[in-house]
């Protein structure tokens, strides 16, 4: 069986526990779009559409935001940067509010993404974690590939072999 990662219109994957948690995020800075909460929920739903179908992957609430894991290893994490996480603020370049995703990478891709600059950033809490600012202009096909590759780096080889991945250039 081969699993194909894809993005579809954002499904409603949660009844609104996020609304209570992130209700005040858009009020932190006046310049924040009124749709910050909606964008955060949409970003979570879009990443979930890629991550959830991967073999043995599961979603859980993280200390901030939502993460997807294989076994006990996090391969994607979507988080609001809204004043509650100094670690994300330091890593992503300053106070928010904005939405970020962290994921795993390796090799030349890790080196390139770590050095390329905005919208990417390199957190210092792990040598293999890279971050990405999620915006209205984000390339969701690229994000799907990053999430899928991150999963394959952390998953047992027998599970990673089940995942259809785009050909490498």
N, C-alpha and C. Protein backbone atom coordinates (compact mmCIF):
# COMPACT_ATOMS: atom_id res chain seq x y z
N UNK A 1 0.84 -1.17 0.00
CA UNK A 1 0.00 0.00 0.00
C UNK A 1 0.89 1.23 0.00
N UNK A 2 0.61 2.18 -0.88
CA UNK A 2 1.37 3.43 -0.95
C UNK A 2 0.45 4.56 -0.54
N UNK A 3 0.93 5.41 0.35
CA UNK A 3 0.16 6.56 0.81
C UNK A 3 0.68 7.78 0.06
N UNK A 4 -0.19 8.58 -0.51
CA UNK A 4 0.21 9.79 -1.20
C UNK A 4 -0.19 10.99 -0.38
N UNK A 5 0.77 11.87 -0.11
CA UNK A 5 0.47 13.10 0.61
C UNK A 5 -0.11 14.10 -0.38
N UNK A 6 -1.15 14.79 0.00
CA UNK A 6 -1.77 15.79 -0.85
C UNK A 6 -2.43 16.85 0.02
N UNK A 7 -2.69 17.96 -0.62
CA UNK A 7 -3.40 19.04 0.07
C UNK A 7 -4.76 19.18 -0.57
N UNK A 8 -5.75 19.29 0.23
CA UNK A 8 -7.09 19.52 -0.25
C UNK A 8 -7.60 20.74 0.49
N UNK A 9 -8.77 21.22 0.12
CA UNK A 9 -9.29 22.35 0.88
C UNK A 9 -9.31 21.99 2.36
N UNK A 10 -9.04 22.95 3.18
CA UNK A 10 -8.90 22.72 4.62
C UNK A 10 -10.16 22.11 5.20
N UNK A 11 -10.05 20.88 5.71
CA UNK A 11 -11.21 20.27 6.34
C UNK A 11 -11.41 20.83 7.74
N UNK A 12 -12.61 20.74 8.22
CA UNK A 12 -12.87 21.14 9.61
C UNK A 12 -12.49 19.95 10.47
N UNK A 13 -11.25 19.95 11.01
CA UNK A 13 -10.77 18.80 11.73
C UNK A 13 -10.97 18.91 13.23
N UNK A 14 -11.35 20.06 13.70
CA UNK A 14 -11.51 20.25 15.14
C UNK A 14 -12.79 21.01 15.41
N UNK A 15 -13.45 20.64 16.46
CA UNK A 15 -14.55 21.46 16.97
C UNK A 15 -13.84 22.62 17.60
N UNK A 16 -14.05 23.58 18.09
CA UNK A 16 -13.19 24.72 18.30
C UNK A 16 -12.48 24.82 19.64
N UNK A 17 -11.69 23.83 20.06
CA UNK A 17 -10.89 24.06 21.26
C UNK A 17 -9.81 25.09 20.99
N UNK A 18 -9.41 25.24 19.72
CA UNK A 18 -8.40 26.24 19.40
C UNK A 18 -8.93 27.65 19.59
N UNK A 19 -10.20 27.83 19.36
CA UNK A 19 -10.76 29.17 19.47
C UNK A 19 -10.54 29.73 20.86
N UNK A 20 -10.75 28.94 21.88
CA UNK A 20 -10.54 29.42 23.24
C UNK A 20 -9.07 29.67 23.50
N UNK A 21 -8.20 28.81 22.99
CA UNK A 21 -6.79 28.94 23.25
C UNK A 21 -6.16 30.14 22.55
N UNK A 22 -6.63 30.44 21.34
CA UNK A 22 -6.02 31.50 20.55
C UNK A 22 -6.94 32.70 20.36
N UNK A 23 -7.99 32.80 21.14
CA UNK A 23 -9.00 33.84 20.98
C UNK A 23 -8.40 35.24 20.99
N UNK A 24 -7.44 35.52 21.84
CA UNK A 24 -6.93 36.87 21.98
C UNK A 24 -5.69 37.14 21.14
N UNK A 25 -5.24 36.18 20.35
CA UNK A 25 -4.00 36.36 19.59
C UNK A 25 -4.08 37.56 18.66
N UNK A 26 -5.21 37.78 17.97
CA UNK A 26 -5.28 38.87 17.01
C UNK A 26 -5.36 40.24 17.68
N UNK A 27 -5.61 40.29 18.98
CA UNK A 27 -5.69 41.57 19.67
C UNK A 27 -4.34 42.04 20.20
N UNK A 28 -3.29 41.25 20.06
CA UNK A 28 -2.00 41.60 20.64
C UNK A 28 -1.40 42.83 19.96
N UNK A 29 -1.44 42.88 18.65
CA UNK A 29 -0.89 44.02 17.91
C UNK A 29 -1.97 44.51 16.96
N UNK A 30 -2.19 45.82 16.93
CA UNK A 30 -3.25 46.38 16.10
C UNK A 30 -3.09 46.07 14.62
N UNK A 31 -1.85 45.89 14.16
CA UNK A 31 -1.60 45.65 12.74
C UNK A 31 -1.95 44.24 12.29
N UNK A 32 -2.28 43.38 13.21
CA UNK A 32 -2.58 41.99 12.85
C UNK A 32 -3.90 41.92 12.12
N UNK A 33 -3.95 41.17 11.03
CA UNK A 33 -5.22 41.02 10.33
C UNK A 33 -6.28 40.43 11.24
N UNK A 34 -7.50 40.84 11.03
CA UNK A 34 -8.61 40.35 11.85
C UNK A 34 -8.79 38.85 11.71
N UNK A 35 -8.24 38.26 10.67
CA UNK A 35 -8.42 36.83 10.43
C UNK A 35 -7.28 35.98 10.97
N UNK A 36 -6.49 36.47 11.93
CA UNK A 36 -5.37 35.71 12.47
C UNK A 36 -5.82 34.34 12.98
N UNK A 37 -6.89 34.31 13.79
CA UNK A 37 -7.38 33.04 14.33
C UNK A 37 -7.80 32.09 13.21
N UNK A 38 -8.49 32.64 12.20
CA UNK A 38 -8.91 31.80 11.07
C UNK A 38 -7.70 31.28 10.30
N UNK A 39 -6.70 32.14 10.11
CA UNK A 39 -5.50 31.71 9.40
C UNK A 39 -4.79 30.60 10.17
N UNK A 40 -4.70 30.74 11.49
CA UNK A 40 -4.06 29.72 12.32
C UNK A 40 -4.80 28.39 12.18
N UNK A 41 -6.11 28.42 12.30
CA UNK A 41 -6.89 27.18 12.17
C UNK A 41 -6.74 26.58 10.77
N UNK A 42 -6.73 27.44 9.75
CA UNK A 42 -6.57 26.96 8.38
C UNK A 42 -5.18 26.32 8.19
N UNK A 43 -4.15 26.95 8.73
CA UNK A 43 -2.80 26.39 8.62
C UNK A 43 -2.72 25.02 9.29
N UNK A 44 -3.31 24.91 10.47
CA UNK A 44 -3.33 23.62 11.18
C UNK A 44 -4.07 22.57 10.34
N UNK A 45 -5.20 22.95 9.79
CA UNK A 45 -5.98 22.01 8.99
C UNK A 45 -5.23 21.59 7.73
N UNK A 46 -4.53 22.52 7.09
CA UNK A 46 -3.82 22.19 5.86
C UNK A 46 -2.62 21.27 6.14
N UNK A 47 -1.91 21.52 7.22
CA UNK A 47 -0.80 20.62 7.57
C UNK A 47 -1.36 19.26 7.99
N UNK A 48 -2.46 19.26 8.73
CA UNK A 48 -3.09 18.00 9.14
C UNK A 48 -3.52 17.17 7.93
N UNK A 49 -3.97 17.82 6.86
CA UNK A 49 -4.40 17.10 5.66
C UNK A 49 -3.24 16.32 5.04
N UNK A 50 -2.02 16.81 5.23
CA UNK A 50 -0.83 16.12 4.73
C UNK A 50 -0.33 15.11 5.75
N UNK A 51 -0.24 15.52 7.01
CA UNK A 51 0.40 14.72 8.05
C UNK A 51 -0.45 13.55 8.53
N UNK A 52 -1.72 13.76 8.72
CA UNK A 52 -2.58 12.73 9.32
C UNK A 52 -2.63 11.42 8.53
N UNK A 53 -2.66 11.46 7.18
CA UNK A 53 -2.72 10.19 6.44
C UNK A 53 -1.41 9.39 6.42
N UNK A 54 -0.32 9.98 6.87
CA UNK A 54 0.96 9.26 6.84
C UNK A 54 0.91 8.09 7.82
N UNK A 55 1.53 6.97 7.47
CA UNK A 55 1.42 5.76 8.29
C UNK A 55 1.83 5.97 9.75
N UNK A 56 0.94 5.62 10.65
CA UNK A 56 1.14 5.69 12.10
C UNK A 56 1.37 7.10 12.64
N UNK A 57 1.14 8.13 11.84
CA UNK A 57 1.28 9.50 12.32
C UNK A 57 0.07 9.86 13.16
N UNK A 58 0.30 10.73 14.13
CA UNK A 58 -0.83 11.20 14.94
C UNK A 58 -0.63 12.66 15.31
N UNK A 59 -1.74 13.32 15.57
CA UNK A 59 -1.77 14.73 15.93
C UNK A 59 -2.01 14.85 17.42
N UNK A 60 -1.36 15.86 18.02
CA UNK A 60 -1.65 16.15 19.42
C UNK A 60 -1.40 17.62 19.70
N UNK A 61 -2.08 18.12 20.74
CA UNK A 61 -1.81 19.47 21.19
C UNK A 61 -0.41 19.51 21.75
N UNK A 62 0.33 20.54 21.41
CA UNK A 62 1.68 20.73 21.92
C UNK A 62 1.64 21.78 23.02
N UNK A 63 2.78 22.09 23.60
CA UNK A 63 2.84 23.11 24.64
C UNK A 63 2.34 24.44 24.11
N UNK A 64 2.47 24.66 22.81
CA UNK A 64 1.84 25.77 22.11
C UNK A 64 1.57 25.29 20.70
N UNK A 65 0.38 25.46 20.23
CA UNK A 65 0.04 24.99 18.89
C UNK A 65 -0.27 23.51 18.84
N UNK A 66 -0.09 22.94 17.66
CA UNK A 66 -0.42 21.54 17.39
C UNK A 66 0.78 20.90 16.69
N UNK A 67 1.06 19.64 17.04
CA UNK A 67 2.17 18.94 16.41
C UNK A 67 1.70 17.58 15.89
N UNK A 68 2.49 17.06 14.95
CA UNK A 68 2.25 15.74 14.38
C UNK A 68 3.49 14.91 14.64
N UNK A 69 3.24 13.65 15.04
CA UNK A 69 4.34 12.80 15.49
C UNK A 69 4.27 11.43 14.84
N UNK A 70 5.43 10.82 14.77
CA UNK A 70 5.55 9.41 14.43
C UNK A 70 6.29 8.80 15.61
N UNK A 71 5.66 7.83 16.23
CA UNK A 71 6.14 7.28 17.50
C UNK A 71 6.20 8.44 18.49
N UNK A 72 7.34 8.73 19.06
CA UNK A 72 7.46 9.86 20.00
C UNK A 72 8.25 11.02 19.41
N UNK A 73 8.34 11.08 18.08
CA UNK A 73 9.17 12.08 17.42
C UNK A 73 8.30 13.06 16.63
N UNK A 74 8.48 14.34 16.87
CA UNK A 74 7.70 15.37 16.20
C UNK A 74 8.29 15.65 14.82
N UNK A 75 7.44 15.52 13.78
CA UNK A 75 7.91 15.81 12.42
C UNK A 75 7.33 17.10 11.86
N UNK A 76 6.31 17.66 12.49
CA UNK A 76 5.77 18.96 12.09
C UNK A 76 5.08 19.58 13.30
N UNK A 77 5.18 20.90 13.40
CA UNK A 77 4.58 21.61 14.53
C UNK A 77 4.15 22.99 14.02
N UNK A 78 2.86 23.29 14.12
CA UNK A 78 2.34 24.60 13.75
C UNK A 78 2.04 25.34 15.04
N UNK A 79 2.57 26.57 15.14
CA UNK A 79 2.42 27.33 16.38
C UNK A 79 2.19 28.81 16.09
N UNK A 80 1.35 29.44 16.90
CA UNK A 80 1.23 30.89 16.81
C UNK A 80 2.40 31.52 17.57
N UNK A 81 2.94 32.58 17.05
CA UNK A 81 3.94 33.36 17.78
C UNK A 81 3.19 34.63 18.16
N UNK A 82 2.77 34.65 19.42
CA UNK A 82 1.87 35.72 19.86
C UNK A 82 2.16 36.22 21.27
N UNK A 83 3.41 36.09 21.69
CA UNK A 83 3.79 36.59 23.00
C UNK A 83 3.85 35.54 24.09
N UNK A 84 3.40 34.31 23.80
CA UNK A 84 3.41 33.27 24.83
C UNK A 84 4.61 32.35 24.75
N UNK A 85 5.43 32.50 23.71
CA UNK A 85 6.56 31.60 23.54
C UNK A 85 7.83 32.37 23.20
N UNK A 86 8.61 32.72 24.22
CA UNK A 86 9.87 33.41 23.94
C UNK A 86 10.80 32.58 23.04
N UNK A 87 10.75 31.27 23.14
CA UNK A 87 11.62 30.42 22.31
C UNK A 87 11.29 30.61 20.83
N UNK A 88 10.01 30.58 20.48
CA UNK A 88 9.63 30.80 19.08
C UNK A 88 9.92 32.23 18.65
N UNK A 89 9.69 33.20 19.51
CA UNK A 89 9.98 34.60 19.16
C UNK A 89 11.46 34.78 18.85
N UNK A 90 12.33 34.22 19.68
CA UNK A 90 13.77 34.33 19.44
C UNK A 90 14.16 33.62 18.13
N UNK A 91 13.65 32.44 17.93
CA UNK A 91 14.02 31.65 16.76
C UNK A 91 13.49 32.26 15.46
N UNK A 92 12.26 32.76 15.49
CA UNK A 92 11.60 33.22 14.27
C UNK A 92 11.83 34.69 13.97
N UNK A 93 12.48 35.41 14.86
CA UNK A 93 12.86 36.77 14.51
C UNK A 93 12.12 37.88 15.20
N UNK A 94 11.42 37.62 16.27
CA UNK A 94 10.81 38.71 17.01
C UNK A 94 9.37 38.47 17.38
N UNK A 95 8.79 39.47 18.04
CA UNK A 95 7.42 39.31 18.52
C UNK A 95 6.43 39.20 17.36
N UNK A 96 5.36 38.52 17.61
CA UNK A 96 4.33 38.32 16.60
C UNK A 96 3.29 39.40 16.69
N UNK A 97 2.12 39.06 16.32
CA UNK A 97 1.70 37.69 16.05
C UNK A 97 1.90 37.28 14.59
N UNK A 98 2.26 36.03 14.45
CA UNK A 98 2.34 35.36 13.17
C UNK A 98 2.32 33.86 13.44
N UNK A 99 2.26 33.08 12.38
CA UNK A 99 2.16 31.62 12.50
C UNK A 99 3.41 31.01 11.88
N UNK A 100 3.97 30.01 12.56
CA UNK A 100 5.14 29.31 12.05
C UNK A 100 4.91 27.81 12.06
N UNK A 101 5.71 27.13 11.26
CA UNK A 101 5.73 25.68 11.27
C UNK A 101 7.18 25.26 11.41
N UNK A 102 7.44 24.30 12.28
CA UNK A 102 8.77 23.70 12.34
C UNK A 102 8.68 22.27 11.82
N UNK A 103 9.79 21.81 11.26
CA UNK A 103 9.86 20.48 10.66
C UNK A 103 11.32 20.04 10.67
N UNK A 104 11.57 18.80 10.31
CA UNK A 104 12.92 18.25 10.28
C UNK A 104 13.45 18.24 8.86
N UNK A 105 14.76 18.39 8.75
CA UNK A 105 15.42 18.34 7.46
C UNK A 105 16.83 17.78 7.67
N UNK A 106 17.50 17.47 6.57
CA UNK A 106 18.89 17.01 6.68
C UNK A 106 19.66 17.33 5.41
N UNK A 107 20.95 17.09 5.44
CA UNK A 107 21.79 17.23 4.26
C UNK A 107 21.82 18.63 3.68
N UNK A 108 21.90 18.67 2.35
CA UNK A 108 21.98 19.94 1.63
C UNK A 108 20.73 20.78 1.83
N UNK A 109 19.57 20.13 1.91
CA UNK A 109 18.32 20.88 2.12
C UNK A 109 18.35 21.61 3.46
N UNK A 110 18.81 20.92 4.50
CA UNK A 110 18.94 21.54 5.82
C UNK A 110 19.86 22.75 5.75
N UNK A 111 21.00 22.58 5.12
CA UNK A 111 21.96 23.67 5.01
C UNK A 111 21.35 24.86 4.26
N UNK A 112 20.72 24.58 3.14
CA UNK A 112 20.12 25.65 2.32
C UNK A 112 19.01 26.36 3.06
N UNK A 113 18.08 25.61 3.63
CA UNK A 113 16.94 26.23 4.32
C UNK A 113 17.40 27.01 5.56
N UNK A 114 18.46 26.55 6.21
CA UNK A 114 18.97 27.23 7.39
C UNK A 114 19.59 28.58 7.05
N UNK A 115 20.09 28.71 5.83
CA UNK A 115 20.81 29.93 5.43
C UNK A 115 20.01 30.87 4.54
N UNK A 116 18.91 30.41 3.99
CA UNK A 116 18.20 31.18 2.96
C UNK A 116 17.53 32.45 3.50
N UNK A 117 17.18 32.45 4.76
CA UNK A 117 16.49 33.61 5.32
C UNK A 117 14.98 33.52 5.14
N UNK A 118 14.32 34.63 5.39
CA UNK A 118 12.86 34.66 5.38
C UNK A 118 12.32 34.08 4.09
N UNK A 119 11.33 33.21 4.17
CA UNK A 119 10.45 32.87 5.29
C UNK A 119 10.98 31.76 6.19
N UNK A 120 12.20 31.25 5.92
CA UNK A 120 12.76 30.18 6.74
C UNK A 120 13.58 30.76 7.89
N UNK A 121 13.72 29.98 8.95
CA UNK A 121 14.57 30.35 10.07
C UNK A 121 15.11 29.08 10.70
N UNK A 122 16.19 29.20 11.45
CA UNK A 122 16.82 28.04 12.07
C UNK A 122 16.76 28.15 13.59
N UNK A 123 15.84 27.41 14.22
CA UNK A 123 15.80 27.39 15.68
C UNK A 123 17.08 26.75 16.23
N UNK A 124 17.46 27.14 17.43
CA UNK A 124 18.69 26.59 18.00
C UNK A 124 18.46 25.39 18.91
N UNK A 125 17.21 24.92 19.04
CA UNK A 125 16.96 23.83 19.97
C UNK A 125 17.24 22.44 19.39
N UNK A 126 17.49 22.34 18.10
CA UNK A 126 17.84 21.05 17.51
C UNK A 126 18.63 21.29 16.23
N UNK A 127 19.64 20.49 15.97
CA UNK A 127 20.41 20.70 14.75
C UNK A 127 19.65 20.35 13.47
N UNK A 128 18.55 19.60 13.58
CA UNK A 128 17.82 19.19 12.37
C UNK A 128 16.47 19.88 12.20
N UNK A 129 16.11 20.81 13.08
CA UNK A 129 14.83 21.50 12.97
C UNK A 129 15.00 22.79 12.18
N UNK A 130 14.07 23.02 11.27
CA UNK A 130 13.99 24.26 10.49
C UNK A 130 12.60 24.82 10.71
N UNK A 131 12.48 26.14 10.66
CA UNK A 131 11.18 26.79 10.80
C UNK A 131 10.80 27.52 9.53
N UNK A 132 9.51 27.75 9.38
CA UNK A 132 8.97 28.42 8.21
C UNK A 132 7.83 29.32 8.66
N UNK A 133 7.88 30.60 8.28
CA UNK A 133 6.76 31.51 8.53
C UNK A 133 5.65 31.15 7.55
N UNK A 134 4.45 30.93 8.05
CA UNK A 134 3.31 30.63 7.20
C UNK A 134 2.55 31.93 6.95
N UNK A 135 2.28 32.21 5.68
CA UNK A 135 1.59 33.44 5.31
C UNK A 135 0.56 33.13 4.23
N UNK A 136 -0.17 34.15 3.83
CA UNK A 136 -1.11 33.99 2.73
C UNK A 136 -0.40 33.61 1.43
N UNK A 137 0.88 33.95 1.32
CA UNK A 137 1.64 33.65 0.12
C UNK A 137 2.40 32.32 0.19
N UNK A 138 2.26 31.58 1.25
CA UNK A 138 2.98 30.31 1.39
C UNK A 138 2.63 29.35 0.25
N UNK A 139 3.62 28.61 -0.20
CA UNK A 139 3.45 27.61 -1.24
C UNK A 139 3.08 26.29 -0.55
N UNK A 140 1.80 25.96 -0.55
CA UNK A 140 1.32 24.79 0.20
C UNK A 140 1.75 23.48 -0.42
N UNK A 141 2.06 23.46 -1.72
CA UNK A 141 2.63 22.24 -2.32
C UNK A 141 4.03 22.00 -1.76
N UNK A 142 4.81 23.06 -1.64
CA UNK A 142 6.15 22.94 -1.05
C UNK A 142 6.05 22.52 0.42
N UNK A 143 5.10 23.09 1.14
CA UNK A 143 4.91 22.72 2.54
C UNK A 143 4.55 21.24 2.66
N UNK A 144 3.71 20.76 1.76
CA UNK A 144 3.36 19.33 1.77
C UNK A 144 4.61 18.47 1.58
N UNK A 145 5.50 18.87 0.69
CA UNK A 145 6.74 18.12 0.48
C UNK A 145 7.63 18.18 1.72
N UNK A 146 7.73 19.35 2.34
CA UNK A 146 8.57 19.49 3.54
C UNK A 146 8.05 18.62 4.68
N UNK A 147 6.73 18.61 4.87
CA UNK A 147 6.13 17.79 5.93
C UNK A 147 6.36 16.31 5.63
N UNK A 148 6.15 15.91 4.39
CA UNK A 148 6.33 14.51 4.01
C UNK A 148 7.78 14.07 4.18
N UNK A 149 8.71 14.89 3.74
CA UNK A 149 10.13 14.56 3.90
C UNK A 149 10.52 14.51 5.37
N UNK A 150 9.98 15.42 6.16
CA UNK A 150 10.26 15.43 7.60
C UNK A 150 9.79 14.12 8.23
N UNK A 151 8.59 13.70 7.87
CA UNK A 151 8.06 12.43 8.37
C UNK A 151 9.01 11.29 7.99
N UNK A 152 9.42 11.25 6.73
CA UNK A 152 10.25 10.15 6.26
C UNK A 152 11.62 10.11 6.94
N UNK A 153 12.13 11.25 7.35
CA UNK A 153 13.39 11.28 8.10
C UNK A 153 13.26 10.62 9.46
N UNK A 154 12.10 10.75 10.09
CA UNK A 154 11.92 10.27 11.46
C UNK A 154 11.22 8.93 11.57
N UNK A 155 10.48 8.55 10.56
CA UNK A 155 9.72 7.31 10.60
C UNK A 155 10.64 6.10 10.44
N UNK A 156 10.23 4.98 11.00
CA UNK A 156 10.97 3.74 10.71
C UNK A 156 11.00 3.51 9.19
N UNK A 157 12.07 2.93 8.70
CA UNK A 157 12.24 2.76 7.25
C UNK A 157 11.09 2.01 6.61
N UNK A 158 10.56 1.02 7.31
CA UNK A 158 9.45 0.25 6.71
C UNK A 158 8.22 1.11 6.50
N UNK A 159 7.99 2.11 7.35
CA UNK A 159 6.86 3.03 7.17
C UNK A 159 7.20 4.09 6.13
N UNK A 160 8.41 4.60 6.14
CA UNK A 160 8.82 5.62 5.17
C UNK A 160 8.72 5.09 3.74
N UNK A 161 9.00 3.80 3.55
CA UNK A 161 8.91 3.21 2.21
C UNK A 161 7.48 3.20 1.67
N UNK A 162 6.50 3.29 2.54
CA UNK A 162 5.09 3.29 2.11
C UNK A 162 4.62 4.64 1.56
N UNK A 163 5.44 5.66 1.73
CA UNK A 163 5.03 7.02 1.37
C UNK A 163 5.52 7.36 -0.03
N UNK A 164 4.58 7.78 -0.88
CA UNK A 164 4.94 8.25 -2.22
C UNK A 164 5.54 9.64 -2.08
N UNK A 165 6.73 9.81 -2.64
CA UNK A 165 7.40 11.11 -2.56
C UNK A 165 7.71 11.59 -3.95
N UNK A 166 7.76 12.92 -4.10
CA UNK A 166 8.08 13.44 -5.43
C UNK A 166 9.50 13.04 -5.83
N UNK A 167 9.76 12.89 -7.11
CA UNK A 167 11.11 12.54 -7.55
C UNK A 167 12.10 13.65 -7.16
N UNK A 168 13.31 13.25 -6.79
CA UNK A 168 14.35 14.22 -6.44
C UNK A 168 15.01 14.72 -7.71
N UNK A 169 15.23 16.03 -7.79
CA UNK A 169 15.88 16.62 -8.98
C UNK A 169 17.35 16.30 -9.00
